[in-house]
Amino acid sequence: MANQSGPSNPGLVQHGETLKRRIQNEAFLQQVKPGDMIEFPRKLYSHWAIYVGKGKVIHLTGDAGDMALDETGTVKLEDFWTVVGTSTAKINNFLDAEMEPLPEKYIISNAMSKLGAEGYHLIFLNCEHFVTWCRYGKAKSSQVQHVTKVLGNFGSSLKDKLNAIASTAQNKQEKDFVSGVVSLGVTLANQGKDYMEKNEDADLKTLKQRKQSSKSTKKTRDLGEAKID
């Protein structure tokens, strides 16, 4: 007798999951407010955008996807459904407990002021830096803070493991070699951690407007406002 416990139609199951996400995202749009930071969980990372109303978001994104690995990201105004993809969106104003969010009109104004601007760095200027700058006036990234913490933990772990190896060394030459490796590894890890901490707050000045006249820049912003309205 055939096993009836598993799904008999994978395509039907996938359709059901897609429909479930659609319903959840439609409910999300009833709750999100202009100025909120939206997190779009992907498989290995999260993408971020600022909600500006009328089903529109502004975000820093690459032409071929969320991450612009070639540092050619652009700040764009797009429809929520274009950006959400296969994600289930959620409101995540995670710094509200630590920092006072700007009034809604200033958050929107910050986002609009960067429309068309170009620039990107996975560590020092990413989509999360952009949305936190819009909402709080300060660019931060929890994902980068996590990397900083990992570097610190890595340095401590490396030191412990190599010291354990050094304790089994047979002679002074071996001990000196392992000690040198310990010192170098911990130094590099700590230098990486220190560099990340010093550069934790991204500088949005590195987001450059395309070379265009002030009239053209104003036209881009006006077009964005028109799309929102």
C-alpha atoms as a PDB file:
ATOM      1  CA  MET A   1       0.000   0.000   0.000  1.00  0.00           C
ATOM      2  CA  ALA A   2       1.363   3.462  -0.939  1.00  0.00           C
ATOM      3  CA  ASN A   3       2.629   5.785   1.775  1.00  0.00           C
ATOM      4  CA  GLN A   4       0.002   8.482   2.281  1.00  0.00           C
ATOM      5  CA  SER A   5       1.941  10.532   4.851  1.00  0.00           C
ATOM      6  CA  GLY A   6       3.867  12.790   2.445  1.00  0.00           C
ATOM      7  CA  PRO A   7       2.545  15.442   0.041  1.00  0.00           C
ATOM      8  CA  SER A   8       1.148  13.829  -3.100  1.00  0.00           C
ATOM      9  CA  ASN A   9       1.550  17.000  -5.148  1.00  0.00           C
ATOM     10  CA  PRO A  10       4.646  19.160  -4.404  1.00  0.00           C
ATOM     11  CA  GLY A  11       3.432  21.814  -6.844  1.00  0.00           C
ATOM     12  CA  LEU A  12       0.189  22.154  -4.915  1.00  0.00           C
ATOM     13  CA  VAL A  13       2.113  22.497  -1.640  1.00  0.00           C
ATOM     14  CA  GLN A  14       4.325  25.217  -3.146  1.00  0.00           C
ATOM     15  CA  HIS A  15       1.248  27.037  -4.414  1.00  0.00           C
ATOM     16  CA  GLY A  16      -0.216  26.874  -0.925  1.00  0.00           C
ATOM     17  CA  GLU A  17       2.962  28.351   0.589  1.00  0.00           C
ATOM     18  CA  THR A  18       2.959  31.151  -1.995  1.00  0.00           C
ATOM     19  CA  LEU A  19      -0.692  31.933  -1.248  1.00  0.00           C
ATOM     20  CA  LYS A  20       0.064  31.962   2.501  1.00  0.00           C
ATOM     21  CA  ARG A  21       2.901  34.466   1.999  1.00  0.00           C
ATOM     22  CA  ARG A  22       0.650  36.628  -0.150  1.00  0.00           C
ATOM     23  CA  ILE A  23      -2.014  36.740   2.563  1.00  0.00           C
ATOM     24  CA  GLN A  24       0.600  37.534   5.234  1.00  0.00           C
ATOM     25  CA  ASN A  25       2.113  40.329   3.144  1.00  0.00           C
ATOM     26  CA  GLU A  26      -1.294  41.810   2.384  1.00  0.00           C
ATOM     27  CA  ALA A  27      -1.987  41.856   6.130  1.00  0.00           C
ATOM     28  CA  PHE A  28       1.424  43.451   6.654  1.00  0.00           C
ATOM     29  CA  LEU A  29       0.511  46.324   4.324  1.00  0.00           C
ATOM     30  CA  GLN A  30      -2.481  47.071   6.545  1.00  0.00           C
ATOM     31  CA  GLN A  31      -0.172  47.509   9.550  1.00  0.00           C
ATOM     32  CA  VAL A  32       2.979  49.196   8.249  1.00  0.00           C
ATOM     33  CA  LYS A  33       3.203  52.977   8.540  1.00  0.00           C
ATOM     34  CA  PRO A  34       5.197  55.539   6.550  1.00  0.00           C
ATOM     35  CA  GLY A  35       8.644  55.859   8.089  1.00  0.00           C
ATOM     36  CA  ASP A  36       8.774  52.250   9.303  1.00  0.00           C
ATOM     37  CA  MET A  37      11.807  50.146   8.463  1.00  0.00           C
ATOM     38  CA  ILE A  38      10.841  46.992   6.591  1.00  0.00           C
ATOM     39  CA  GLU A  39      12.940  43.859   6.860  1.00  0.00           C
ATOM     40  CA  PHE A  40      12.730  41.344   4.015  1.00  0.00           C
ATOM     41  CA  PRO A  41      14.316  38.101   5.304  1.00  0.00           C
ATOM     42  CA  ARG A  42      16.151  36.308   2.497  1.00  0.00           C
ATOM     43  CA  LYS A  43      17.889  32.931   2.776  1.00  0.00           C
ATOM     44  CA  LEU A  44      21.305  34.121   3.979  1.00  0.00           C
ATOM     45  CA  TYR A  45      20.696  37.762   4.881  1.00  0.00           C
ATOM     46  CA  SER A  46      17.986  40.404   5.217  1.00  0.00           C
ATOM     47  CA  HIS A  47      17.185  43.225   2.823  1.00  0.00           C
ATOM     48  CA  TRP A  48      15.865  46.533   4.173  1.00  0.00           C
ATOM     49  CA  ALA A  49      13.686  49.387   2.936  1.00  0.00           C
ATOM     50  CA  ILE A  50      11.819  52.430   4.234  1.00  0.00           C
ATOM     51  CA  TYR A  51       8.059  52.411   3.763  1.00  0.00           C
ATOM     52  CA  VAL A  52       6.892  55.724   2.312  1.00  0.00           C
ATOM     53  CA  GLY A  53       3.172  54.999   1.917  1.00  0.00           C
ATOM     54  CA  LYS A  54       0.790  53.950  -0.863  1.00  0.00           C
ATOM     55  CA  GLY A  55       2.449  50.540  -1.161  1.00  0.00           C
ATOM     56  CA  LYS A  56       5.837  52.090  -2.029  1.00  0.00           C
ATOM     57  CA  VAL A  57       9.285  51.643  -0.492  1.00  0.00           C
ATOM     58  CA  ILE A  58      12.643  53.360  -0.913  1.00  0.00           C
ATOM     59  CA  HIS A  59      15.745  51.218  -0.637  1.00  0.00           C
ATOM     60  CA  LEU A  60      19.410  50.933  -1.567  1.00  0.00           C
ATOM     61  CA  THR A  61      19.748  48.066  -3.990  1.00  0.00           C
ATOM     62  CA  GLY A  62      21.821  46.666  -6.822  1.00  0.00           C
ATOM     63  CA  ASP A  63      20.601  46.463 -10.402  1.00  0.00           C
ATOM     64  CA  ALA A  64      20.742  42.658 -10.373  1.00  0.00           C
ATOM     65  CA  GLY A  65      19.498  42.099  -6.819  1.00  0.00           C
ATOM     66  CA  ASP A  66      19.532  43.279  -3.219  1.00  0.00           C
ATOM     67  CA  MET A  67      23.314  43.213  -2.772  1.00  0.00           C
ATOM     68  CA  ALA A  68      25.463  45.312  -5.076  1.00  0.00           C
ATOM     69  CA  LEU A  69      28.769  43.493  -4.793  1.00  0.00           C
ATOM     70  CA  ASP A  70      30.344  45.711  -7.451  1.00  0.00           C
ATOM     71  CA  GLU A  71      29.554  48.833  -5.357  1.00  0.00           C
ATOM     72  CA  THR A  72      27.073  50.195  -7.902  1.00  0.00           C
ATOM     73  CA  GLY A  73      23.983  50.228  -5.714  1.00  0.00           C
ATOM     74  CA  THR A  74      21.289  52.820  -6.318  1.00  0.00           C
ATOM     75  CA  VAL A  75      18.604  54.315  -4.064  1.00  0.00           C
ATOM     76  CA  LYS A  76      15.281  53.489  -5.703  1.00  0.00           C
ATOM     77  CA  LEU A  77      11.568  54.051  -5.160  1.00  0.00           C
ATOM     78  CA  GLU A  78       9.753  50.804  -5.964  1.00  0.00           C
ATOM     79  CA  ASP A  79       6.501  49.006  -5.385  1.00  0.00           C
ATOM     80  CA  PHE A  80       6.407  46.856  -2.246  1.00  0.00           C
ATOM     81  CA  TRP A  81       5.436  43.753  -4.259  1.00  0.00           C
ATOM     82  CA  THR A  82       8.460  44.189  -6.525  1.00  0.00           C
ATOM     83  CA  VAL A  83      10.831  44.173  -3.556  1.00  0.00           C
ATOM     84  CA  VAL A  84       9.219  41.564  -1.303  1.00  0.00           C
ATOM     85  CA  GLY A  85       9.768  38.704  -3.743  1.00  0.00           C
ATOM     86  CA  THR A  86       9.424  35.387  -1.912  1.00  0.00           C
ATOM     87  CA  SER A  87       9.958  36.969   1.522  1.00  0.00           C
ATOM     88  CA  THR A  88       7.437  37.587   4.275  1.00  0.00           C
ATOM     89  CA  ALA A  89       7.972  41.231   5.196  1.00  0.00           C
ATOM     90  CA  LYS A  90       8.049  42.489   8.761  1.00  0.00           C
ATOM     91  CA  ILE A  91       8.297  45.836  10.524  1.00  0.00           C
ATOM     92  CA  ASN A  92      11.610  46.029  12.350  1.00  0.00           C
ATOM     93  CA  ASN A  93      12.361  49.410  13.921  1.00  0.00           C
ATOM     94  CA  PHE A  94      14.932  47.633  16.080  1.00  0.00           C
ATOM     95  CA  LEU A  95      16.738  50.753  17.287  1.00  0.00           C
ATOM     96  CA  ASP A  96      13.660  52.539  18.659  1.00  0.00           C
ATOM     97  CA  ALA A  97      14.534  51.389  22.188  1.00  0.00           C
ATOM     98  CA  GLU A  98      17.991  52.971  21.910  1.00  0.00           C
ATOM     99  CA  MET A  99      17.475  55.971  19.639  1.00  0.00           C
ATOM    100  CA  GLU A 100      14.678  58.477  19.140  1.00  0.00           C
ATOM    101  CA  PRO A 101      13.218  58.069  15.641  1.00  0.00           C
ATOM    102  CA  LEU A 102      12.843  61.213  13.586  1.00  0.00           C
ATOM    103  CA  PRO A 103       9.340  62.544  12.838  1.00  0.00           C
ATOM    104  CA  GLU A 104       7.716  60.745   9.921  1.00  0.00           C
ATOM    105  CA  LYS A 105       8.065  63.663   7.500  1.00  0.00           C
ATOM    106  CA  TYR A 106      11.822  63.861   8.120  1.00  0.00           C
ATOM    107  CA  ILE A 107      12.267  60.125   7.651  1.00  0.00           C
ATOM    108  CA  ILE A 108      10.493  60.338   4.298  1.00  0.00           C
ATOM    109  CA  SER A 109      12.424  63.477   3.393  1.00  0.00           C
ATOM    110  CA  ASN A 110      15.741  61.732   4.150  1.00  0.00           C
ATOM    111  CA  ALA A 111      14.778  58.798   1.942  1.00  0.00           C
ATOM    112  CA  MET A 112      13.544  61.024  -0.885  1.00  0.00           C
ATOM    113  CA  SER A 113      16.688  63.179  -0.740  1.00  0.00           C
ATOM    114  CA  LYS A 114      18.818  60.192  -1.760  1.00  0.00           C
ATOM    115  CA  LEU A 115      16.706  58.980  -4.683  1.00  0.00           C
ATOM    116  CA  GLY A 116      18.998  58.183  -7.598  1.00  0.00           C
ATOM    117  CA  ALA A 117      22.137  58.323  -5.447  1.00  0.00           C
ATOM    118  CA  GLU A 118      24.711  55.618  -6.122  1.00  0.00           C
ATOM    119  CA  GLY A 119      27.181  53.741  -3.942  1.00  0.00           C
ATOM    120  CA  TYR A 120      27.320  50.542  -1.932  1.00  0.00           C
ATOM    121  CA  HIS A 121      29.574  48.538   0.353  1.00  0.00           C
ATOM    122  CA  LEU A 122      28.511  45.219   1.812  1.00  0.00           C
ATOM    123  CA  ILE A 123      30.133  46.021   5.166  1.00  0.00           C
ATOM    124  CA  PHE A 124      30.326  49.797   5.414  1.00  0.00           C
ATOM    125  CA  LEU A 125      27.374  51.090   3.398  1.00  0.00           C
ATOM    126  CA  ASN A 126      24.546  48.628   2.835  1.00  0.00           C
ATOM    127  CA  CYS A 127      20.751  48.731   2.671  1.00  0.00           C
ATOM    128  CA  GLU A 128      20.433  48.543   6.474  1.00  0.00           C
ATOM    129  CA  HIS A 129      22.767  51.515   6.928  1.00  0.00           C
ATOM    130  CA  PHE A 130      20.535  53.449   4.545  1.00  0.00           C
ATOM    131  CA  VAL A 131      17.239  52.792   6.345  1.00  0.00           C
ATOM    132  CA  THR A 132      18.648  53.451   9.824  1.00  0.00           C
ATOM    133  CA  TRP A 133      20.053  56.747   8.592  1.00  0.00           C
ATOM    134  CA  CYS A 134      16.652  57.666   7.176  1.00  0.00           C
ATOM    135  CA  ARG A 135      14.815  56.828  10.425  1.00  0.00           C
ATOM    136  CA  TYR A 136      17.323  57.902  13.085  1.00  0.00           C
ATOM    137  CA  GLY A 137      19.752  60.201  11.313  1.00  0.00           C
ATOM    138  CA  LYS A 138      22.556  57.735  12.072  1.00  0.00           C
ATOM    139  CA  ALA A 139      23.620  54.849   9.837  1.00  0.00           C
ATOM    140  CA  LYS A 140      24.024  51.530  11.620  1.00  0.00           C
ATOM    141  CA  SER A 141      23.825  47.851  10.670  1.00  0.00           C
ATOM    142  CA  SER A 142      23.007  44.991  13.038  1.00  0.00           C
ATOM    143  CA  GLN A 143      24.416  42.587  10.455  1.00  0.00           C
ATOM    144  CA  VAL A 144      27.769  44.391  10.547  1.00  0.00           C
ATOM    145  CA  GLN A 145      27.683  44.485  14.366  1.00  0.00           C
ATOM    146  CA  HIS A 146      27.227  40.724  14.275  1.00  0.00           C
ATOM    147  CA  VAL A 147      30.342  40.335  12.114  1.00  0.00           C
ATOM    148  CA  THR A 148      32.272  42.518  14.583  1.00  0.00           C
ATOM    149  CA  LYS A 149      31.181  40.273  17.452  1.00  0.00           C
ATOM    150  CA  VAL A 150      32.156  37.173  15.493  1.00  0.00           C
ATOM    151  CA  LEU A 151      35.643  38.600  14.889  1.00  0.00           C
ATOM    152  CA  GLY A 152      36.056  39.263  18.607  1.00  0.00           C
ATOM    153  CA  ASN A 153      34.892  35.761  19.502  1.00  0.00           C
ATOM    154  CA  PHE A 154      37.112  34.281  16.798  1.00  0.00           C
ATOM    155  CA  GLY A 155      40.189  35.986  18.279  1.00  0.00           C
ATOM    156  CA  SER A 156      39.452  34.601  21.750  1.00  0.00           C
ATOM    157  CA  SER A 157      38.662  31.118  20.442  1.00  0.00           C
ATOM    158  CA  LEU A 158      41.759  31.041  18.249  1.00  0.00           C
ATOM    159  CA  LYS A 159      43.951  32.033  21.162  1.00  0.00           C
ATOM    160  CA  ASP A 160      42.519  29.286  23.398  1.00  0.00           C
ATOM    161  CA  LYS A 161      42.862  26.584  20.736  1.00  0.00           C
ATOM    162  CA  LEU A 162      46.416  27.499  19.744  1.00  0.00           C
ATOM    163  CA  ASN A 163      47.504  27.805  23.360  1.00  0.00           C
ATOM    164  CA  ALA A 164      46.209  24.280  23.884  1.00  0.00           C
ATOM    165  CA  ILE A 165      48.311  23.121  20.936  1.00  0.00           C
ATOM    166  CA  ALA A 166      51.331  25.008  22.308  1.00  0.00           C
ATOM    167  CA  SER A 167      51.042  23.109  25.587  1.00  0.00           C
ATOM    168  CA  THR A 168      51.713  19.870  23.704  1.00  0.00           C
ATOM    169  CA  ALA A 169      54.802  21.188  21.907  1.00  0.00           C
ATOM    170  CA  GLN A 170      57.839  18.954  22.295  1.00  0.00           C
ATOM    171  CA  ASN A 171      60.517  21.623  22.384  1.00  0.00           C
ATOM    172  CA  LYS A 172      61.139  25.365  22.687  1.00  0.00           C
ATOM    173  CA  GLN A 173      61.286  25.858  18.904  1.00  0.00           C
ATOM    174  CA  GLU A 174      57.805  24.380  18.445  1.00  0.00           C
ATOM    175  CA  LYS A 175      56.444  26.421  21.367  1.00  0.00           C
ATOM    176  CA  ASP A 176      57.932  29.633  19.962  1.00  0.00           C
ATOM    177  CA  PHE A 177      56.420  28.881  16.540  1.00  0.00           C
ATOM    178  CA  VAL A 178      52.925  28.240  17.935  1.00  0.00           C
ATOM    179  CA  SER A 179      53.187  31.309  20.173  1.00  0.00           C
ATOM    180  CA  GLY A 180      54.024  33.386  17.109  1.00  0.00           C
ATOM    181  CA  VAL A 181      51.007  32.023  15.256  1.00  0.00           C
ATOM    182  CA  VAL A 182      48.808  32.757  18.298  1.00  0.00           C
ATOM    183  CA  SER A 183      50.059  36.326  18.478  1.00  0.00           C
ATOM    184  CA  LEU A 184      49.604  36.932  14.739  1.00  0.00           C
ATOM    185  CA  GLY A 185      46.124  35.376  14.586  1.00  0.00           C
ATOM    186  CA  VAL A 186      44.816  37.254  17.622  1.00  0.00           C
ATOM    187  CA  THR A 187      46.340  40.523  16.382  1.00  0.00           C
ATOM    188  CA  LEU A 188      44.695  40.179  12.967  1.00  0.00           C
ATOM    189  CA  ALA A 189      41.315  39.283  14.502  1.00  0.00           C
ATOM    190  CA  ASN A 190      41.505  42.206  16.928  1.00  0.00           C
ATOM    191  CA  GLN A 191      42.588  44.600  14.193  1.00  0.00           C
ATOM    192  CA  GLY A 192      39.603  43.507  12.116  1.00  0.00           C
ATOM    193  CA  LYS A 193      37.281  43.974  15.096  1.00  0.00           C
ATOM    194  CA  ASP A 194      38.731  47.419  15.902  1.00  0.00           C
ATOM    195  CA  TYR A 195      38.440  48.529  12.274  1.00  0.00           C
ATOM    196  CA  MET A 196      34.811  47.391  12.106  1.00  0.00           C
ATOM    197  CA  GLU A 197      33.965  49.223  15.329  1.00  0.00           C
ATOM    198  CA  LYS A 198      35.619  52.452  14.185  1.00  0.00           C
ATOM    199  CA  ASN A 199      33.696  52.295  10.910  1.00  0.00           C
ATOM    200  CA  GLU A 200      30.439  51.056  12.439  1.00  0.00           C
ATOM    201  CA  ASP A 201      28.550  54.254  11.604  1.00  0.00           C
ATOM    202  CA  ALA A 202      28.355  54.503   7.832  1.00  0.00           C
ATOM    203  CA  ASP A 203      28.888  57.848   6.135  1.00  0.00           C
ATOM    204  CA  LEU A 204      25.983  58.471   3.778  1.00  0.00           C
ATOM    205  CA  LYS A 205      28.044  61.169   2.068  1.00  0.00           C
ATOM    206  CA  THR A 206      29.607  58.352   0.078  1.00  0.00           C
ATOM    207  CA  LEU A 207      26.236  57.911  -1.613  1.00  0.00           C
ATOM    208  CA  LYS A 208      26.836  60.086  -4.636  1.00  0.00           C
ATOM    209  CA  GLN A 209      24.167  61.623  -6.814  1.00  0.00           C
ATOM    210  CA  ARG A 210      24.662  60.894 -10.479  1.00  0.00           C
ATOM    211  CA  LYS A 211      26.292  63.695 -12.395  1.00  0.00           C
ATOM    212  CA  GLN A 212      23.288  65.757 -13.338  1.00  0.00           C
ATOM    213  CA  SER A 213      22.076  69.299 -13.040  1.00  0.00           C
ATOM    214  CA  SER A 214      20.236  70.487  -9.935  1.00  0.00           C
ATOM    215  CA  LYS A 215      17.142  70.788 -12.136  1.00  0.00           C
ATOM    216  CA  SER A 216      17.449  67.112 -13.100  1.00  0.00           C
ATOM    217  CA  THR A 217      17.950  66.103  -9.449  1.00  0.00           C
ATOM    218  CA  LYS A 218      14.829  68.023  -8.466  1.00  0.00           C
ATOM    219  CA  LYS A 219      12.929  66.330 -11.281  1.00  0.00           C
ATOM    220  CA  THR A 220      13.927  62.894  -9.900  1.00  0.00           C
ATOM    221  CA  ARG A 221      12.624  63.814  -6.444  1.00  0.00           C
ATOM    222  CA  ASP A 222       9.428  65.316  -7.834  1.00  0.00           C
ATOM    223  CA  LEU A 223       8.845  62.163  -9.868  1.00  0.00           C
ATOM    224  CA  GLY A 224       9.303  60.100  -6.723  1.00  0.00           C
ATOM    225  CA  GLU A 225       6.796  62.218  -4.807  1.00  0.00           C
ATOM    226  CA  ALA A 226       4.335  61.938  -7.668  1.00  0.00           C
ATOM    227  CA  LYS A 227       4.626  58.131  -7.625  1.00  0.00           C
ATOM    228  CA  ILE A 228       3.917  58.075  -3.887  1.00  0.00           C
ATOM    229  CA  ASP A 229       0.894  60.352  -4.278  1.00  0.00           C
END
